[in-house]
Amino acid sequence: MLKNLCQRMFARSLWVYHANSGGCNGCDIEVLNVLTPYYDVERFGIKLVGSPRHADVMLCQGPALRTTSKALRRAYEAMPSPKLVFAIGSCACGGGLWYDTYNVIGPIEKIIPVNYFIPGCPPQPEAIIYGAAVALGLVDKKVAPVQFKQYELPIPRYHPKDLRQADDMVIYEKTEHV
């Protein structure tokens, strides 16, 4: 449902607002690297804007701090609807290194609703571009197939008397130290 909404609402371009709530600036450097001509995300219609009032997407880096939570919430509320929020980096996704410090509330989603998570410390520019392309519907989400297998042991566990095979070859035998 979110994919169809994003394709309809943001079919032409994404104007992004860059918000750091107090991280180490590693993710900021990678986001700004994505916006340079080397990676050229403007070919996808992604453009950096200076005000949340002009933005369709908020790129959040850093953990949710007590000191910046109100400002982050105000910036989110200033964005016009429909809006998307990307949590970029380990700190924004789960609190990162500082998840248990006194001033950290936790991940960004404790303050504002998050639509897409891009993990990494810091995430590579290719991962950030891929996350934006998934949001725009330019590529399908790639997920590895999950296969569950339960292994059967050929012999019962926890019964030393059953650990002998048919030809009486000892698999397990208790030895005493001399």
C-alpha atoms as a PDB file:
ATOM      1  CA  MET A   1       0.000   0.000   0.000  1.00  0.00           C
ATOM      2  CA  LEU A   2       2.802   2.418   0.916  1.00  0.00           C
ATOM      3  CA  LYS A   3       4.598   1.606  -2.333  1.00  0.00           C
ATOM      4  CA  ASN A   4       1.517   2.474  -4.435  1.00  0.00           C
ATOM      5  CA  LEU A   5       0.980   5.673  -2.461  1.00  0.00           C
ATOM      6  CA  CYS A   6       4.593   6.718  -2.955  1.00  0.00           C
ATOM      7  CA  GLN A   7       4.459   5.995  -6.669  1.00  0.00           C
ATOM      8  CA  ARG A   8       1.356   8.120  -7.096  1.00  0.00           C
ATOM      9  CA  MET A   9       2.224  10.995  -4.783  1.00  0.00           C
ATOM     10  CA  PHE A  10       5.935  11.262  -5.479  1.00  0.00           C
ATOM     11  CA  ALA A  11       6.005  10.165  -9.100  1.00  0.00           C
ATOM     12  CA  ARG A  12       8.084  13.085 -10.329  1.00  0.00           C
ATOM     13  CA  SER A  13      10.514  13.988  -7.590  1.00  0.00           C
ATOM     14  CA  LEU A  14      11.423  13.860  -3.927  1.00  0.00           C
ATOM     15  CA  TRP A  15      12.471  17.037  -2.208  1.00  0.00           C
ATOM     16  CA  VAL A  16      14.389  16.088   0.898  1.00  0.00           C
ATOM     17  CA  TYR A  17      15.066  17.898   4.140  1.00  0.00           C
ATOM     18  CA  HIS A  18      18.190  16.841   5.977  1.00  0.00           C
ATOM     19  CA  ALA A  19      17.776  16.660   9.778  1.00  0.00           C
ATOM     20  CA  ASN A  20      20.438  15.568  12.249  1.00  0.00           C
ATOM     21  CA  SER A  21      19.241  15.051  15.784  1.00  0.00           C
ATOM     22  CA  GLY A  22      22.689  14.765  17.356  1.00  0.00           C
ATOM     23  CA  GLY A  23      24.760  11.974  15.846  1.00  0.00           C
ATOM     24  CA  CYS A  24      28.461  11.846  15.064  1.00  0.00           C
ATOM     25  CA  ASN A  25      28.055  13.386  11.561  1.00  0.00           C
ATOM     26  CA  GLY A  26      29.223  10.200   9.800  1.00  0.00           C
ATOM     27  CA  CYS A  27      25.788   9.684   8.246  1.00  0.00           C
ATOM     28  CA  ASP A  28      25.563  13.391   7.390  1.00  0.00           C
ATOM     29  CA  ILE A  29      28.732  13.138   5.352  1.00  0.00           C
ATOM     30  CA  GLU A  30      27.360  10.132   3.455  1.00  0.00           C
ATOM     31  CA  VAL A  31      24.009  11.829   2.769  1.00  0.00           C
ATOM     32  CA  LEU A  32      25.760  14.923   1.471  1.00  0.00           C
ATOM     33  CA  ASN A  33      28.033  12.660  -0.581  1.00  0.00           C
ATOM     34  CA  VAL A  34      24.917  11.174  -2.210  1.00  0.00           C
ATOM     35  CA  LEU A  35      23.766  14.668  -3.180  1.00  0.00           C
ATOM     36  CA  THR A  36      27.033  15.500  -4.981  1.00  0.00           C
ATOM     37  CA  PRO A  37      27.451  15.171  -8.757  1.00  0.00           C
ATOM     38  CA  TYR A  38      29.464  11.961  -8.289  1.00  0.00           C
ATOM     39  CA  TYR A  39      26.337   9.971  -7.385  1.00  0.00           C
ATOM     40  CA  ASP A  40      23.931  12.402  -9.097  1.00  0.00           C
ATOM     41  CA  VAL A  41      20.647  11.589  -7.362  1.00  0.00           C
ATOM     42  CA  GLU A  42      19.011  14.469  -9.175  1.00  0.00           C
ATOM     43  CA  ARG A  43      18.558  12.039 -12.069  1.00  0.00           C
ATOM     44  CA  PHE A  44      15.908  10.417  -9.847  1.00  0.00           C
ATOM     45  CA  GLY A  45      14.407  13.821  -9.045  1.00  0.00           C
ATOM     46  CA  ILE A  46      15.854  13.992  -5.525  1.00  0.00           C
ATOM     47  CA  LYS A  47      16.704  17.522  -4.494  1.00  0.00           C
ATOM     48  CA  LEU A  48      17.856  18.969  -1.171  1.00  0.00           C
ATOM     49  CA  VAL A  49      15.739  21.814   0.222  1.00  0.00           C
ATOM     50  CA  GLY A  50      16.523  24.113   3.114  1.00  0.00           C
ATOM     51  CA  SER A  51      13.124  24.195   4.782  1.00  0.00           C
ATOM     52  CA  PRO A  52      10.848  21.393   5.986  1.00  0.00           C
ATOM     53  CA  ARG A  53       7.899  23.358   4.571  1.00  0.00           C
ATOM     54  CA  HIS A  54       9.127  22.605   1.054  1.00  0.00           C
ATOM     55  CA  ALA A  55      10.085  18.962   1.679  1.00  0.00           C
ATOM     56  CA  ASP A  56       8.387  15.696   0.821  1.00  0.00           C
ATOM     57  CA  VAL A  57      10.912  13.557   2.697  1.00  0.00           C
ATOM     58  CA  MET A  58      12.847  14.008   5.924  1.00  0.00           C
ATOM     59  CA  LEU A  59      16.220  12.266   6.154  1.00  0.00           C
ATOM     60  CA  CYS A  60      16.955  11.744   9.856  1.00  0.00           C
ATOM     61  CA  GLN A  61      20.394  10.915  11.215  1.00  0.00           C
ATOM     62  CA  GLY A  62      21.477  10.417  14.789  1.00  0.00           C
ATOM     63  CA  PRO A  63      19.573   9.053  17.777  1.00  0.00           C
ATOM     64  CA  ALA A  64      16.559  10.780  19.276  1.00  0.00           C
ATOM     65  CA  LEU A  65      17.946  13.026  22.007  1.00  0.00           C
ATOM     66  CA  ARG A  66      16.044  14.720  24.790  1.00  0.00           C
ATOM     67  CA  THR A  67      17.429  18.111  23.749  1.00  0.00           C
ATOM     68  CA  THR A  68      16.547  17.868  20.049  1.00  0.00           C
ATOM     69  CA  SER A  69      13.305  15.867  20.185  1.00  0.00           C
ATOM     70  CA  LYS A  70      11.024  18.931  20.229  1.00  0.00           C
ATOM     71  CA  ALA A  71      12.819  20.567  17.310  1.00  0.00           C
ATOM     72  CA  LEU A  72      12.682  17.336  15.301  1.00  0.00           C
ATOM     73  CA  ARG A  73       8.976  16.954  16.029  1.00  0.00           C
ATOM     74  CA  ARG A  74       8.308  20.585  15.003  1.00  0.00           C
ATOM     75  CA  ALA A  75      10.206  20.087  11.734  1.00  0.00           C
ATOM     76  CA  TYR A  76       8.162  16.947  11.025  1.00  0.00           C
ATOM     77  CA  GLU A  77       4.903  18.757  11.708  1.00  0.00           C
ATOM     78  CA  ALA A  78       5.946  21.634   9.426  1.00  0.00           C
ATOM     79  CA  MET A  79       6.223  19.271   6.453  1.00  0.00           C
ATOM     80  CA  PRO A  80       3.147  19.175   4.182  1.00  0.00           C
ATOM     81  CA  SER A  81       1.279  15.886   3.810  1.00  0.00           C
ATOM     82  CA  PRO A  82       1.912  13.330   2.352  1.00  0.00           C
ATOM     83  CA  LYS A  83       5.373  12.972   3.828  1.00  0.00           C
ATOM     84  CA  LEU A  84       7.974  10.260   4.231  1.00  0.00           C
ATOM     85  CA  VAL A  85      10.646   9.810   6.877  1.00  0.00           C
ATOM     86  CA  PHE A  86      13.883   7.904   6.352  1.00  0.00           C
ATOM     87  CA  ALA A  87      15.927   6.800   9.370  1.00  0.00           C
ATOM     88  CA  ILE A  88      19.500   6.710   8.082  1.00  0.00           C
ATOM     89  CA  GLY A  89      22.224   4.980  10.060  1.00  0.00           C
ATOM     90  CA  SER A  90      22.393   2.710  13.081  1.00  0.00           C
ATOM     91  CA  CYS A  91      21.773   5.565  15.507  1.00  0.00           C
ATOM     92  CA  ALA A  92      18.526   6.625  13.840  1.00  0.00           C
ATOM     93  CA  CYS A  93      17.349   3.026  13.430  1.00  0.00           C
ATOM     94  CA  GLY A  94      18.043   1.778  16.943  1.00  0.00           C
ATOM     95  CA  GLY A  95      19.986   4.250  19.056  1.00  0.00           C
ATOM     96  CA  GLY A  96      23.450   3.178  17.906  1.00  0.00           C
ATOM     97  CA  LEU A  97      26.406   3.417  20.244  1.00  0.00           C
ATOM     98  CA  TRP A  98      24.590   5.741  22.581  1.00  0.00           C
ATOM     99  CA  TYR A  99      21.387   3.726  23.089  1.00  0.00           C
ATOM    100  CA  ASP A 100      21.891   3.520  26.866  1.00  0.00           C
ATOM    101  CA  THR A 101      23.245   6.973  27.663  1.00  0.00           C
ATOM    102  CA  TYR A 102      21.388   9.470  29.806  1.00  0.00           C
ATOM    103  CA  ASN A 103      20.358  11.923  27.076  1.00  0.00           C
ATOM    104  CA  VAL A 104      19.299   9.428  24.386  1.00  0.00           C
ATOM    105  CA  ILE A 105      15.633   8.505  24.103  1.00  0.00           C
ATOM    106  CA  GLY A 106      16.304   5.815  21.502  1.00  0.00           C
ATOM    107  CA  PRO A 107      15.586   5.462  17.787  1.00  0.00           C
ATOM    108  CA  ILE A 108      13.953   8.241  15.776  1.00  0.00           C
ATOM    109  CA  GLU A 109      10.678   6.315  15.605  1.00  0.00           C
ATOM    110  CA  LYS A 110      10.069   7.119  19.281  1.00  0.00           C
ATOM    111  CA  ILE A 111       9.644  10.778  18.255  1.00  0.00           C
ATOM    112  CA  ILE A 112       8.201  10.676  14.718  1.00  0.00           C
ATOM    113  CA  PRO A 113       6.824   7.862  12.529  1.00  0.00           C
ATOM    114  CA  VAL A 114       9.450   6.343  10.225  1.00  0.00           C
ATOM    115  CA  ASN A 115       8.622   4.827   6.825  1.00  0.00           C
ATOM    116  CA  TYR A 116      12.015   3.518   5.688  1.00  0.00           C
ATOM    117  CA  PHE A 117      15.101   2.351   7.578  1.00  0.00           C
ATOM    118  CA  ILE A 118      18.582   2.409   6.042  1.00  0.00           C
ATOM    119  CA  PRO A 119      20.965   0.761   8.539  1.00  0.00           C
ATOM    120  CA  GLY A 120      24.742   1.071   8.650  1.00  0.00           C
ATOM    121  CA  CYS A 121      27.383   2.925  10.559  1.00  0.00           C
ATOM    122  CA  PRO A 122      27.585   4.940   8.386  1.00  0.00           C
ATOM    123  CA  PRO A 123      25.509   3.512   5.535  1.00  0.00           C
ATOM    124  CA  GLN A 124      27.156   3.475   2.147  1.00  0.00           C
ATOM    125  CA  PRO A 125      25.905   5.996  -0.412  1.00  0.00           C
ATOM    126  CA  GLU A 126      24.712   3.133  -2.608  1.00  0.00           C
ATOM    127  CA  ALA A 127      22.463   1.900   0.224  1.00  0.00           C
ATOM    128  CA  ILE A 128      20.951   5.368   0.645  1.00  0.00           C
ATOM    129  CA  ILE A 129      20.288   5.627  -3.095  1.00  0.00           C
ATOM    130  CA  TYR A 130      18.774   2.140  -3.113  1.00  0.00           C
ATOM    131  CA  GLY A 131      16.457   3.055  -0.214  1.00  0.00           C
ATOM    132  CA  ALA A 132      15.281   6.165  -2.053  1.00  0.00           C
ATOM    133  CA  ALA A 133      14.789   4.153  -5.260  1.00  0.00           C
ATOM    134  CA  VAL A 134      12.678   1.611  -3.357  1.00  0.00           C
ATOM    135  CA  ALA A 135      10.581   4.473  -1.943  1.00  0.00           C
ATOM    136  CA  LEU A 136      10.075   5.934  -5.417  1.00  0.00           C
ATOM    137  CA  GLY A 137       9.154   2.522  -6.800  1.00  0.00           C
ATOM    138  CA  LEU A 138      12.032   2.556  -9.276  1.00  0.00           C
ATOM    139  CA  VAL A 139      13.286  -0.849  -8.099  1.00  0.00           C
ATOM    140  CA  ASP A 140      11.674  -3.760  -6.339  1.00  0.00           C
ATOM    141  CA  LYS A 141      12.685  -4.559  -2.810  1.00  0.00           C
ATOM    142  CA  LYS A 142      15.185  -7.401  -2.784  1.00  0.00           C
ATOM    143  CA  VAL A 143      14.758  -9.891  -0.011  1.00  0.00           C
ATOM    144  CA  ALA A 144      16.690 -13.102   0.377  1.00  0.00           C
ATOM    145  CA  PRO A 145      14.451 -16.168   0.519  1.00  0.00           C
ATOM    146  CA  VAL A 146      14.147 -17.637   3.970  1.00  0.00           C
ATOM    147  CA  GLN A 147      14.371 -21.380   4.394  1.00  0.00           C
ATOM    148  CA  PHE A 148      14.007 -23.082   7.727  1.00  0.00           C
ATOM    149  CA  LYS A 149      15.458 -26.511   8.232  1.00  0.00           C
ATOM    150  CA  GLN A 150      15.327 -28.662  11.286  1.00  0.00           C
ATOM    151  CA  TYR A 151      18.203 -31.043  11.515  1.00  0.00           C
ATOM    152  CA  GLU A 152      17.561 -34.537  12.790  1.00  0.00           C
ATOM    153  CA  LEU A 153      20.227 -36.135  14.849  1.00  0.00           C
ATOM    154  CA  PRO A 154      20.943 -39.757  14.009  1.00  0.00           C
ATOM    155  CA  ILE A 155      21.167 -40.664  17.699  1.00  0.00           C
ATOM    156  CA  PRO A 156      19.199 -39.520  20.723  1.00  0.00           C
ATOM    157  CA  ARG A 157      20.800 -36.812  22.788  1.00  0.00           C
ATOM    158  CA  TYR A 158      21.365 -36.825  26.537  1.00  0.00           C
ATOM    159  CA  HIS A 159      21.355 -40.619  26.932  1.00  0.00           C
ATOM    160  CA  PRO A 160      24.926 -41.974  27.264  1.00  0.00           C
ATOM    161  CA  LYS A 161      23.774 -45.585  27.076  1.00  0.00           C
ATOM    162  CA  ASP A 162      22.254 -44.898  23.639  1.00  0.00           C
ATOM    163  CA  LEU A 163      25.467 -43.417  22.294  1.00  0.00           C
ATOM    164  CA  ARG A 164      26.766 -46.782  21.149  1.00  0.00           C
ATOM    165  CA  GLN A 165      26.188 -47.794  17.565  1.00  0.00           C
ATOM    166  CA  ALA A 166      25.100 -51.209  16.357  1.00  0.00           C
ATOM    167  CA  ASP A 167      28.643 -52.604  16.116  1.00  0.00           C
ATOM    168  CA  ASP A 168      29.397 -51.438  19.666  1.00  0.00           C
ATOM    169  CA  MET A 169      31.788 -48.757  18.502  1.00  0.00           C
ATOM    170  CA  VAL A 170      31.988 -46.176  21.264  1.00  0.00           C
ATOM    171  CA  ILE A 171      31.061 -42.675  20.243  1.00  0.00           C
ATOM    172  CA  TYR A 172      31.105 -41.204  23.703  1.00  0.00           C
ATOM    173  CA  GLU A 173      32.758 -42.633  26.743  1.00  0.00           C
ATOM    174  CA  LYS A 174      33.506 -40.974  29.997  1.00  0.00           C
ATOM    175  CA  THR A 175      37.204 -40.996  30.850  1.00  0.00           C
ATOM    176  CA  GLU A 176      38.793 -40.447  34.166  1.00  0.00           C
ATOM    177  CA  HIS A 177      41.777 -38.213  34.657  1.00  0.00           C
ATOM    178  CA  VAL A 178      44.796 -39.813  36.223  1.00  0.00           C
END
